[in-house]
Amino acid sequence: MMNLTKQQAMDIFGDGVRLAEALGVTKGAISQWPDRLDRKRTAMVIGAAVQRGKTVPEAFVAPHEDQSS
């Protein structure tokens, strides 16, 4: 699994303030994140995005299998 960059994470939510709100952390905490997120932070961002109906980068979306057959 690839990891998000901090900029990609902020882009998903619009900015660092909204990202921080979605994750329940401060904007200051986000500002201290490294440019390339680790797996835990990437998973937190993707999980919060999915829960809020945000669009995530295609590489992070599991292929949808048709269950109707």
PDB file of N, CA and C in Angstrom:
ATOM      1  N   MET A   1       0.839  -1.185   0.000  1.00  0.00           N
ATOM      2  CA  MET A   1       0.000   0.000   0.000  1.00  0.00           C
ATOM      3  C   MET A   1       0.883   1.247   0.000  1.00  0.00           C
ATOM      4  N   MET A   2       0.525   2.178  -0.841  1.00  0.00           N
ATOM      5  CA  MET A   2       1.279   3.429  -0.859  1.00  0.00           C
ATOM      6  C   MET A   2       0.744   4.369   0.224  1.00  0.00           C
ATOM      7  N   ASN A   3       1.524   5.339   0.565  1.00  0.00           N
ATOM      8  CA  ASN A   3       1.119   6.307   1.574  1.00  0.00           C
ATOM      9  C   ASN A   3       0.824   7.653   0.931  1.00  0.00           C
ATOM     10  N   LEU A   4      -0.081   8.388   1.563  1.00  0.00           N
ATOM     11  CA  LEU A   4      -0.415   9.734   1.120  1.00  0.00           C
ATOM     12  C   LEU A   4       0.700  10.707   1.476  1.00  0.00           C
ATOM     13  N   THR A   5       0.732  11.805   0.758  1.00  0.00           N
ATOM     14  CA  THR A   5       1.536  12.933   1.203  1.00  0.00           C
ATOM     15  C   THR A   5       0.636  13.795   2.089  1.00  0.00           C
ATOM     16  N   LYS A   6       1.248  14.659   2.860  1.00  0.00           N
ATOM     17  CA  LYS A   6       0.455  15.564   3.687  1.00  0.00           C
ATOM     18  C   LYS A   6      -0.429  16.444   2.812  1.00  0.00           C
ATOM     19  N   GLN A   7       0.107  16.887   1.673  1.00  0.00           N
ATOM     20  CA  GLN A   7      -0.680  17.737   0.773  1.00  0.00           C
ATOM     21  C   GLN A   7      -1.884  16.977   0.219  1.00  0.00           C
ATOM     22  N   GLN A   8      -1.719  15.715  -0.158  1.00  0.00           N
ATOM     23  CA  GLN A   8      -2.858  14.919  -0.636  1.00  0.00           C
ATOM     24  C   GLN A   8      -3.918  14.800   0.449  1.00  0.00           C
ATOM     25  N   ALA A   9      -3.485  14.581   1.683  1.00  0.00           N
ATOM     26  CA  ALA A   9      -4.427  14.452   2.796  1.00  0.00           C
ATOM     27  C   ALA A   9      -5.217  15.747   2.971  1.00  0.00           C
ATOM     28  N   MET A  10      -4.537  16.879   2.913  1.00  0.00           N
ATOM     29  CA  MET A  10      -5.228  18.157   3.052  1.00  0.00           C
ATOM     30  C   MET A  10      -6.150  18.413   1.866  1.00  0.00           C
ATOM     31  N   ASP A  11      -5.720  18.035   0.682  1.00  0.00           N
ATOM     32  CA  ASP A  11      -6.550  18.231  -0.513  1.00  0.00           C
ATOM     33  C   ASP A  11      -7.860  17.451  -0.434  1.00  0.00           C
ATOM     34  N   ILE A  12      -7.836  16.273   0.155  1.00  0.00           N
ATOM     35  CA  ILE A  12      -9.057  15.473   0.289  1.00  0.00           C
ATOM     36  C   ILE A  12     -10.119  16.239   1.065  1.00  0.00           C
ATOM     37  N   PHE A  13      -9.705  16.952   2.106  1.00  0.00           N
ATOM     38  CA  PHE A  13     -10.641  17.669   2.974  1.00  0.00           C
ATOM     39  C   PHE A  13     -10.760  19.148   2.649  1.00  0.00           C
ATOM     40  N   GLY A  14      -9.906  19.655   1.799  1.00  0.00           N
ATOM     41  CA  GLY A  14      -9.975  21.058   1.415  1.00  0.00           C
ATOM     42  C   GLY A  14      -8.853  21.891   1.973  1.00  0.00           C
ATOM     43  N   ASP A  15      -8.467  21.613   3.212  1.00  0.00           N
ATOM     44  CA  ASP A  15      -7.341  22.319   3.828  1.00  0.00           C
ATOM     45  C   ASP A  15      -6.974  21.630   5.142  1.00  0.00           C
ATOM     46  N   GLY A  16      -5.915  22.133   5.771  1.00  0.00           N
ATOM     47  CA  GLY A  16      -5.431  21.529   7.009  1.00  0.00           C
ATOM     48  C   GLY A  16      -6.399  21.643   8.168  1.00  0.00           C
ATOM     49  N   VAL A  17      -7.169  22.732   8.204  1.00  0.00           N
ATOM     50  CA  VAL A  17      -8.138  22.920   9.292  1.00  0.00           C
ATOM     51  C   VAL A  17      -9.225  21.860   9.224  1.00  0.00           C
ATOM     52  N   ARG A  18      -9.766  21.638   8.032  1.00  0.00           N
ATOM     53  CA  ARG A  18     -10.832  20.637   7.884  1.00  0.00           C
ATOM     54  C   ARG A  18     -10.307  19.223   8.096  1.00  0.00           C
ATOM     55  N   LEU A  19      -9.076  18.975   7.665  1.00  0.00           N
ATOM     56  CA  LEU A  19      -8.449  17.671   7.918  1.00  0.00           C
ATOM     57  C   LEU A  19      -8.328  17.441   9.415  1.00  0.00           C
ATOM     58  N   ALA A  20      -7.836  18.437  10.124  1.00  0.00           N
ATOM     59  CA  ALA A  20      -7.682  18.320  11.573  1.00  0.00           C
ATOM     60  C   ALA A  20      -9.026  18.067  12.257  1.00  0.00           C
ATOM     61  N   GLU A  21     -10.045  18.796  11.838  1.00  0.00           N
ATOM     62  CA  GLU A  21     -11.381  18.602  12.419  1.00  0.00           C
ATOM     63  C   GLU A  21     -11.884  17.185  12.176  1.00  0.00           C
ATOM     64  N   ALA A  22     -11.676  16.670  10.968  1.00  0.00           N
ATOM     65  CA  ALA A  22     -12.144  15.324  10.626  1.00  0.00           C
ATOM     66  C   ALA A  22     -11.451  14.257  11.461  1.00  0.00           C
ATOM     67  N   LEU A  23     -10.202  14.511  11.823  1.00  0.00           N
ATOM     68  CA  LEU A  23      -9.438  13.528  12.581  1.00  0.00           C
ATOM     69  C   LEU A  23      -9.482  13.766  14.085  1.00  0.00           C
ATOM     70  N   GLY A  24     -10.058  14.878  14.503  1.00  0.00           N
ATOM     71  CA  GLY A  24     -10.125  15.176  15.927  1.00  0.00           C
ATOM     72  C   GLY A  24      -8.791  15.576  16.522  1.00  0.00           C
ATOM     73  N   VAL A  25      -7.958  16.227  15.692  1.00  0.00           N
ATOM     74  CA  VAL A  25      -6.665  16.711  16.171  1.00  0.00           C
ATOM     75  C   VAL A  25      -6.584  18.209  15.886  1.00  0.00           C
ATOM     76  N   THR A  26      -5.525  18.839  16.339  1.00  0.00           N
ATOM     77  CA  THR A  26      -5.358  20.269  16.094  1.00  0.00           C
ATOM     78  C   THR A  26      -4.675  20.513  14.752  1.00  0.00           C
ATOM     79  N   LYS A  27      -4.862  21.718  14.231  1.00  0.00           N
ATOM     80  CA  LYS A  27      -4.169  22.105  13.000  1.00  0.00           C
ATOM     81  C   LYS A  27      -2.656  22.085  13.241  1.00  0.00           C
ATOM     82  N   GLY A  28      -2.251  22.408  14.452  1.00  0.00           N
ATOM     83  CA  GLY A  28      -0.833  22.366  14.800  1.00  0.00           C
ATOM     84  C   GLY A  28      -0.255  20.964  14.702  1.00  0.00           C
ATOM     85  N   ALA A  29      -1.056  19.976  15.070  1.00  0.00           N
ATOM     86  CA  ALA A  29      -0.598  18.586  14.955  1.00  0.00           C
ATOM     87  C   ALA A  29      -0.383  18.225  13.483  1.00  0.00           C
ATOM     88  N   ILE A  30      -1.323  18.640  12.641  1.00  0.00           N
ATOM     89  CA  ILE A  30      -1.204  18.376  11.205  1.00  0.00           C
ATOM     90  C   ILE A  30       0.044  19.060  10.647  1.00  0.00           C
ATOM     91  N   SER A  31       0.307  20.278  11.091  1.00  0.00           N
ATOM     92  CA  SER A  31       1.457  21.019  10.568  1.00  0.00           C
ATOM     93  C   SER A  31       2.779  20.333  10.908  1.00  0.00           C
ATOM     94  N   GLN A  32       2.782  19.502  11.944  1.00  0.00           N
ATOM     95  CA  GLN A  32       4.005  18.810  12.334  1.00  0.00           C
ATOM     96  C   GLN A  32       4.162  17.452  11.654  1.00  0.00           C
ATOM     97  N   TRP A  33       3.170  17.039  10.888  1.00  0.00           N
ATOM     98  CA  TRP A  33       3.287  15.779  10.162  1.00  0.00           C
ATOM     99  C   TRP A  33       4.405  15.882   9.126  1.00  0.00           C
ATOM    100  N   PRO A  34       5.066  14.764   8.823  1.00  0.00           N
ATOM    101  CA  PRO A  34       6.065  14.780   7.744  1.00  0.00           C
ATOM    102  C   PRO A  34       5.379  14.926   6.385  1.00  0.00           C
ATOM    103  N   ASP A  35       6.150  15.269   5.371  1.00  0.00           N
ATOM    104  CA  ASP A  35       5.581  15.428   4.027  1.00  0.00           C
ATOM    105  C   ASP A  35       4.997  14.126   3.492  1.00  0.00           C
ATOM    106  N   ARG A  36       5.589  12.986   3.829  1.00  0.00           N
ATOM    107  CA  ARG A  36       5.080  11.679   3.420  1.00  0.00           C
ATOM    108  C   ARG A  36       4.545  10.987   4.676  1.00  0.00           C
ATOM    109  N   LEU A  37       3.249  10.682   4.685  1.00  0.00           N
ATOM    110  CA  LEU A  37       2.628  10.095   5.865  1.00  0.00           C
ATOM    111  C   LEU A  37       2.987   8.626   6.014  1.00  0.00           C
ATOM    112  N   ASP A  38       2.970   8.156   7.251  1.00  0.00           N
ATOM    113  CA  ASP A  38       3.174   6.732   7.498  1.00  0.00           C
ATOM    114  C   ASP A  38       1.856   5.990   7.261  1.00  0.00           C
ATOM    115  N   ARG A  39       1.895   4.685   7.377  1.00  0.00           N
ATOM    116  CA  ARG A  39       0.708   3.865   7.094  1.00  0.00           C
ATOM    117  C   ARG A  39      -0.445   4.183   8.043  1.00  0.00           C
ATOM    118  N   LYS A  40      -0.129   4.408   9.319  1.00  0.00           N
ATOM    119  CA  LYS A  40      -1.181   4.683  10.305  1.00  0.00           C
ATOM    120  C   LYS A  40      -1.919   5.982   9.968  1.00  0.00           C
ATOM    121  N   ARG A  41      -1.175   7.039   9.691  1.00  0.00           N
ATOM    122  CA  ARG A  41      -1.817   8.317   9.362  1.00  0.00           C
ATOM    123  C   ARG A  41      -2.566   8.231   8.033  1.00  0.00           C
ATOM    124  N   THR A  42      -1.985   7.536   7.062  1.00  0.00           N
ATOM    125  CA  THR A  42      -2.675   7.361   5.786  1.00  0.00           C
ATOM    126  C   THR A  42      -4.002   6.650   6.005  1.00  0.00           C
ATOM    127  N   ALA A  43      -3.985   5.584   6.789  1.00  0.00           N
ATOM    128  CA  ALA A  43      -5.218   4.840   7.063  1.00  0.00           C
ATOM    129  C   ALA A  43      -6.240   5.706   7.792  1.00  0.00           C
ATOM    130  N   MET A  44      -5.792   6.538   8.722  1.00  0.00           N
ATOM    131  CA  MET A  44      -6.703   7.435   9.439  1.00  0.00           C
ATOM    132  C   MET A  44      -7.365   8.417   8.481  1.00  0.00           C
ATOM    133  N   VAL A  45      -6.572   8.991   7.583  1.00  0.00           N
ATOM    134  CA  VAL A  45      -7.104   9.972   6.631  1.00  0.00           C
ATOM    135  C   VAL A  45      -8.089   9.306   5.674  1.00  0.00           C
ATOM    136  N   ILE A  46      -7.713   8.169   5.114  1.00  0.00           N
ATOM    137  CA  ILE A  46      -8.596   7.481   4.178  1.00  0.00           C
ATOM    138  C   ILE A  46      -9.879   7.045   4.876  1.00  0.00           C
ATOM    139  N   GLY A  47      -9.772   6.532   6.087  1.00  0.00           N
ATOM    140  CA  GLY A  47     -10.960   6.127   6.838  1.00  0.00           C
ATOM    141  C   GLY A  47     -11.897   7.288   7.098  1.00  0.00           C
ATOM    142  N   ALA A  48     -11.343   8.418   7.518  1.00  0.00           N
ATOM    143  CA  ALA A  48     -12.170   9.598   7.776  1.00  0.00           C
ATOM    144  C   ALA A  48     -12.807  10.101   6.486  1.00  0.00           C
ATOM    145  N   ALA A  49     -12.068  10.029   5.389  1.00  0.00           N
ATOM    146  CA  ALA A  49     -12.597  10.482   4.099  1.00  0.00           C
ATOM    147  C   ALA A  49     -13.759   9.603   3.652  1.00  0.00           C
ATOM    148  N   VAL A  50     -13.600   8.304   3.771  1.00  0.00           N
ATOM    149  CA  VAL A  50     -14.657   7.372   3.374  1.00  0.00           C
ATOM    150  C   VAL A  50     -15.898   7.603   4.233  1.00  0.00           C
ATOM    151  N   GLN A  51     -15.718   7.765   5.535  1.00  0.00           N
ATOM    152  CA  GLN A  51     -16.852   7.994   6.431  1.00  0.00           C
ATOM    153  C   GLN A  51     -17.606   9.267   6.080  1.00  0.00           C
ATOM    154  N   ARG A  52     -16.908  10.253   5.547  1.00  0.00           N
ATOM    155  CA  ARG A  52     -17.531  11.543   5.227  1.00  0.00           C
ATOM    156  C   ARG A  52     -17.893  11.686   3.755  1.00  0.00           C
ATOM    157  N   GLY A  53     -17.724  10.613   2.985  1.00  0.00           N
ATOM    158  CA  GLY A  53     -18.096  10.650   1.575  1.00  0.00           C
ATOM    159  C   GLY A  53     -17.183  11.495   0.709  1.00  0.00           C
ATOM    160  N   LYS A  54     -15.945  11.666   1.145  1.00  0.00           N
ATOM    161  CA  LYS A  54     -14.979  12.449   0.368  1.00  0.00           C
ATOM    162  C   LYS A  54     -14.369  11.581  -0.730  1.00  0.00           C
ATOM    163  N   THR A  55     -13.948  12.211  -1.794  1.00  0.00           N
ATOM    164  CA  THR A  55     -13.257  11.506  -2.865  1.00  0.00           C
ATOM    165  C   THR A  55     -11.819  11.275  -2.445  1.00  0.00           C
ATOM    166  N   VAL A  56     -11.373  10.031  -2.573  1.00  0.00           N
ATOM    167  CA  VAL A  56      -9.987   9.695  -2.236  1.00  0.00           C
ATOM    168  C   VAL A  56      -9.240   9.341  -3.518  1.00  0.00           C
ATOM    169  N   PRO A  57      -7.909   9.453  -3.510  1.00  0.00           N
ATOM    170  CA  PRO A  57      -7.151   9.096  -4.707  1.00  0.00           C
ATOM    171  C   PRO A  57      -7.474   7.666  -5.150  1.00  0.00           C
ATOM    172  N   GLU A  58      -7.549   7.467  -6.444  1.00  0.00           N
ATOM    173  CA  GLU A  58      -7.975   6.184  -7.009  1.00  0.00           C
ATOM    174  C   GLU A  58      -7.172   5.000  -6.487  1.00  0.00           C
ATOM    175  N   ALA A  59      -5.894   5.192  -6.227  1.00  0.00           N
ATOM    176  CA  ALA A  59      -5.044   4.102  -5.742  1.00  0.00           C
ATOM    177  C   ALA A  59      -5.497   3.562  -4.380  1.00  0.00           C
ATOM    178  N   PHE A  60      -6.323   4.315  -3.675  1.00  0.00           N
ATOM    179  CA  PHE A  60      -6.767   3.918  -2.342  1.00  0.00           C
ATOM    180  C   PHE A  60      -8.182   3.354  -2.323  1.00  0.00           C
ATOM    181  N   VAL A  61      -8.783   3.194  -3.505  1.00  0.00           N
ATOM    182  CA  VAL A  61     -10.134   2.675  -3.591  1.00  0.00           C
ATOM    183  C   VAL A  61     -10.068   1.227  -4.051  1.00  0.00           C
ATOM    184  N   ALA A  62     -10.675   0.333  -3.255  1.00  0.00           N
ATOM    185  CA  ALA A  62     -10.679  -1.087  -3.621  1.00  0.00           C
ATOM    186  C   ALA A  62     -11.572  -1.286  -4.837  1.00  0.00           C
ATOM    187  N   PRO A  63     -11.165  -2.183  -5.727  1.00  0.00           N
ATOM    188  CA  PRO A  63     -12.032  -2.468  -6.886  1.00  0.00           C
ATOM    189  C   PRO A  63     -13.392  -2.967  -6.421  1.00  0.00           C
ATOM    190  N   HIS A  64     -14.423  -2.494  -7.067  1.00  0.00           N
ATOM    191  CA  HIS A  64     -15.787  -2.884  -6.707  1.00  0.00           C
ATOM    192  C   HIS A  64     -16.181  -4.115  -7.515  1.00  0.00           C
ATOM    193  N   GLU A  65     -16.525  -5.186  -6.817  1.00  0.00           N
ATOM    194  CA  GLU A  65     -16.968  -6.394  -7.499  1.00  0.00           C
ATOM    195  C   GLU A  65     -18.473  -6.429  -7.545  1.00  0.00           C
ATOM    196  N   ASP A  66     -19.012  -6.784  -8.694  1.00  0.00           N
ATOM    197  CA  ASP A  66     -20.457  -6.878  -8.874  1.00  0.00           C
ATOM    198  C   ASP A  66     -20.972  -8.092  -8.136  1.00  0.00           C
ATOM    199  N   GLN A  67     -21.838  -7.882  -7.158  1.00  0.00           N
ATOM    200  CA  GLN A  67     -22.379  -8.971  -6.337  1.00  0.00           C
ATOM    201  C   GLN A  67     -23.727  -9.457  -6.847  1.00  0.00           C
ATOM    202  N   SER A  68     -24.180  -8.976  -8.013  1.00  0.00           N
ATOM    203  CA  SER A  68     -25.529  -9.294  -8.476  1.00  0.00           C
ATOM    204  C   SER A  68     -25.624 -10.610  -9.241  1.00  0.00           C
ATOM    205  N   SER A  69     -24.509 -11.265  -9.542  1.00  0.00           N
ATOM    206  CA  SER A  69     -24.583 -12.491 -10.333  1.00  0.00           C
ATOM    207  C   SER A  69     -24.822 -13.726  -9.529  1.00  0.00           C
TER     208      SER A  69
END
